[in-house]
Amino acid sequence: MRLIMKILLNNENIVLDDGLTIKELIKHIQLCNQYYAVEVNEQIVPKSLHASFLLKEGDKVEIVTAIGGG
C-alpha cells in the first residue's frame, strides 16, 4: 500500500507520495533547470538541504522562481 500526504504548494492543495524531499518535489513539478527559492512553513530552506529535507503532511510550501528581465 502506498502512503500519501497532502501539502499546500503555493496556496494549492496537492497530494504526493509520503516521504518526498524538496529535491524530489522540484523534479516532480519540473523546475529542475530554473532558479528558485523554497520556503517551508515560513522558513527558507537552503538549496544545500533540498536533497535531505523531508516534506510532511500539512506542510505549507512556497516556491518562487526567478524571472529574467531587461
N, C-alpha and C. Protein backbone atom coordinates (compact mmCIF):
# COMPACT_ATOMS: atom_id res chain seq x y z
N MET A 1 0.84 -1.18 0.00
CA MET A 1 0.00 0.00 0.00
C MET A 1 0.88 1.24 0.00
N ARG A 2 0.57 2.18 -0.87
CA ARG A 2 1.33 3.41 -1.00
C ARG A 2 0.79 4.46 -0.03
N LEU A 3 1.69 5.09 0.70
CA LEU A 3 1.29 6.15 1.62
C LEU A 3 1.34 7.49 0.90
N ILE A 4 0.36 8.33 1.18
CA ILE A 4 0.31 9.65 0.56
C ILE A 4 0.23 10.72 1.64
N MET A 5 0.52 11.95 1.24
CA MET A 5 0.39 13.08 2.13
C MET A 5 -0.17 14.25 1.34
N LYS A 6 -0.76 15.18 2.06
CA LYS A 6 -1.28 16.40 1.45
C LYS A 6 -0.45 17.56 1.96
N ILE A 7 -0.04 18.43 1.02
CA ILE A 7 0.65 19.66 1.39
C ILE A 7 -0.02 20.82 0.67
N LEU A 8 0.31 22.01 1.09
CA LEU A 8 -0.15 23.22 0.43
C LEU A 8 1.03 23.77 -0.34
N LEU A 9 0.96 23.75 -1.67
CA LEU A 9 2.05 24.23 -2.52
C LEU A 9 1.59 25.49 -3.23
N ASN A 10 2.21 26.61 -2.89
CA ASN A 10 1.84 27.90 -3.48
C ASN A 10 0.32 28.11 -3.43
N ASN A 11 -0.23 27.86 -2.25
CA ASN A 11 -1.66 28.05 -1.95
C ASN A 11 -2.60 27.09 -2.67
N GLU A 12 -2.06 25.97 -3.16
CA GLU A 12 -2.90 24.94 -3.77
C GLU A 12 -2.67 23.62 -3.05
N ASN A 13 -3.74 22.94 -2.68
CA ASN A 13 -3.62 21.63 -2.05
C ASN A 13 -3.20 20.60 -3.09
N ILE A 14 -2.15 19.84 -2.77
CA ILE A 14 -1.74 18.76 -3.67
C ILE A 14 -1.49 17.50 -2.85
N VAL A 15 -1.59 16.37 -3.51
CA VAL A 15 -1.35 15.07 -2.89
C VAL A 15 -0.09 14.48 -3.50
N LEU A 16 0.82 14.03 -2.63
CA LEU A 16 2.10 13.48 -3.06
C LEU A 16 2.38 12.18 -2.33
N ASP A 17 3.37 11.45 -2.82
CA ASP A 17 3.85 10.28 -2.07
C ASP A 17 4.44 10.75 -0.75
N ASP A 18 4.20 10.02 0.30
CA ASP A 18 4.74 10.34 1.62
C ASP A 18 6.26 10.21 1.60
N GLY A 19 6.95 11.08 2.32
CA GLY A 19 8.39 10.99 2.44
C GLY A 19 9.17 11.63 1.30
N LEU A 20 8.52 12.47 0.52
CA LEU A 20 9.18 13.15 -0.59
C LEU A 20 10.10 14.24 -0.06
N THR A 21 11.25 14.42 -0.69
CA THR A 21 12.15 15.52 -0.33
C THR A 21 11.82 16.74 -1.19
N ILE A 22 12.37 17.88 -0.80
CA ILE A 22 12.17 19.09 -1.61
C ILE A 22 12.75 18.86 -3.01
N LYS A 23 13.91 18.24 -3.10
CA LYS A 23 14.53 17.99 -4.40
C LYS A 23 13.61 17.14 -5.28
N GLU A 24 12.98 16.13 -4.71
CA GLU A 24 12.06 15.28 -5.47
C GLU A 24 10.81 16.06 -5.87
N LEU A 25 10.33 16.96 -5.01
CA LEU A 25 9.19 17.80 -5.35
C LEU A 25 9.52 18.71 -6.52
N ILE A 26 10.71 19.31 -6.49
CA ILE A 26 11.15 20.19 -7.58
C ILE A 26 11.17 19.42 -8.90
N LYS A 27 11.67 18.20 -8.86
CA LYS A 27 11.69 17.37 -10.07
C LYS A 27 10.26 17.05 -10.51
N HIS A 28 9.40 16.71 -9.55
CA HIS A 28 8.00 16.36 -9.83
C HIS A 28 7.26 17.50 -10.53
N ILE A 29 7.52 18.74 -10.12
CA ILE A 29 6.83 19.88 -10.73
C ILE A 29 7.64 20.51 -11.86
N GLN A 30 8.73 19.86 -12.23
CA GLN A 30 9.54 20.22 -13.40
C GLN A 30 10.15 21.61 -13.33
N LEU A 31 10.82 21.91 -12.21
CA LEU A 31 11.52 23.19 -12.06
C LEU A 31 13.04 23.00 -12.05
N CYS A 32 13.52 21.85 -12.42
CA CYS A 32 14.93 21.49 -12.23
C CYS A 32 15.92 22.48 -12.83
N ASN A 33 15.63 23.08 -13.97
CA ASN A 33 16.61 23.94 -14.63
C ASN A 33 16.32 25.42 -14.44
N GLN A 34 15.56 25.77 -13.43
CA GLN A 34 15.24 27.16 -13.18
C GLN A 34 15.82 27.60 -11.85
N TYR A 35 15.97 28.91 -11.69
CA TYR A 35 16.38 29.46 -10.41
C TYR A 35 15.14 29.61 -9.54
N TYR A 36 15.24 29.17 -8.29
CA TYR A 36 14.08 29.20 -7.41
C TYR A 36 14.52 29.27 -5.96
N ALA A 37 13.59 29.67 -5.11
CA ALA A 37 13.78 29.66 -3.67
C ALA A 37 12.61 28.89 -3.07
N VAL A 38 12.89 28.16 -1.97
CA VAL A 38 11.86 27.33 -1.34
C VAL A 38 11.72 27.73 0.12
N GLU A 39 10.47 27.87 0.52
CA GLU A 39 10.13 28.16 1.91
C GLU A 39 9.16 27.08 2.37
N VAL A 40 9.43 26.50 3.54
CA VAL A 40 8.53 25.50 4.12
C VAL A 40 8.10 26.02 5.49
N ASN A 41 6.79 26.16 5.66
CA ASN A 41 6.23 26.66 6.91
C ASN A 41 6.88 27.98 7.33
N GLU A 42 7.01 28.87 6.34
CA GLU A 42 7.52 30.23 6.52
C GLU A 42 9.00 30.30 6.89
N GLN A 43 9.75 29.23 6.62
CA GLN A 43 11.20 29.20 6.84
C GLN A 43 11.90 28.86 5.52
N ILE A 44 12.84 29.72 5.11
CA ILE A 44 13.59 29.45 3.89
C ILE A 44 14.46 28.22 4.10
N VAL A 45 14.44 27.33 3.13
CA VAL A 45 15.26 26.11 3.19
C VAL A 45 16.40 26.27 2.18
N PRO A 46 17.65 26.30 2.65
CA PRO A 46 18.79 26.45 1.73
C PRO A 46 18.84 25.31 0.73
N LYS A 47 19.29 25.62 -0.48
CA LYS A 47 19.36 24.61 -1.54
C LYS A 47 20.23 23.41 -1.12
N SER A 48 21.21 23.64 -0.28
CA SER A 48 22.09 22.56 0.17
C SER A 48 21.34 21.50 0.98
N LEU A 49 20.13 21.83 1.47
CA LEU A 49 19.34 20.89 2.26
C LEU A 49 18.20 20.25 1.47
N HIS A 50 17.97 20.67 0.24
CA HIS A 50 16.81 20.19 -0.53
C HIS A 50 16.79 18.68 -0.71
N ALA A 51 17.97 18.04 -0.86
CA ALA A 51 18.00 16.59 -1.09
C ALA A 51 17.68 15.79 0.17
N SER A 52 17.85 16.40 1.34
CA SER A 52 17.62 15.66 2.59
C SER A 52 16.40 16.15 3.37
N PHE A 53 15.81 17.26 2.97
CA PHE A 53 14.68 17.83 3.71
C PHE A 53 13.39 17.10 3.33
N LEU A 54 12.87 16.30 4.26
CA LEU A 54 11.65 15.54 4.01
C LEU A 54 10.41 16.39 4.28
N LEU A 55 9.52 16.41 3.31
CA LEU A 55 8.24 17.09 3.49
C LEU A 55 7.32 16.19 4.28
N LYS A 56 6.39 16.81 5.01
CA LYS A 56 5.45 16.00 5.79
C LYS A 56 4.03 16.55 5.64
N GLU A 57 3.09 15.72 6.00
CA GLU A 57 1.66 16.04 5.92
C GLU A 57 1.40 17.43 6.48
N GLY A 58 0.70 18.24 5.70
CA GLY A 58 0.28 19.55 6.16
C GLY A 58 1.28 20.67 5.97
N ASP A 59 2.48 20.35 5.45
CA ASP A 59 3.46 21.42 5.24
C ASP A 59 2.92 22.46 4.26
N LYS A 60 3.29 23.71 4.52
CA LYS A 60 2.96 24.81 3.62
C LYS A 60 4.24 25.18 2.88
N VAL A 61 4.26 24.89 1.58
CA VAL A 61 5.46 25.08 0.76
C VAL A 61 5.21 26.22 -0.22
N GLU A 62 6.15 27.15 -0.27
CA GLU A 62 6.11 28.24 -1.24
C GLU A 62 7.37 28.13 -2.09
N ILE A 63 7.20 28.11 -3.40
CA ILE A 63 8.34 28.08 -4.31
C ILE A 63 8.22 29.30 -5.21
N VAL A 64 9.29 30.10 -5.21
CA VAL A 64 9.33 31.32 -6.00
C VAL A 64 10.41 31.15 -7.04
N THR A 65 10.07 31.38 -8.31
CA THR A 65 11.05 31.26 -9.38
C THR A 65 11.51 32.65 -9.81
N ALA A 66 12.75 32.72 -10.26
CA ALA A 66 13.32 33.98 -10.75
C ALA A 66 12.86 34.21 -12.18
N ILE A 67 12.55 35.45 -12.48
CA ILE A 67 12.13 35.84 -13.83
C ILE A 67 13.11 36.87 -14.34
N GLY A 68 13.72 36.56 -15.49
CA GLY A 68 14.69 37.49 -16.07
C GLY A 68 14.00 38.65 -16.76
N GLY A 69 14.70 39.74 -16.81
CA GLY A 69 14.16 40.92 -17.46
C GLY A 69 15.27 41.70 -18.12
N GLY A 70 14.89 42.80 -18.67
CA GLY A 70 15.95 43.57 -19.33
C GLY A 70 15.60 44.99 -19.49
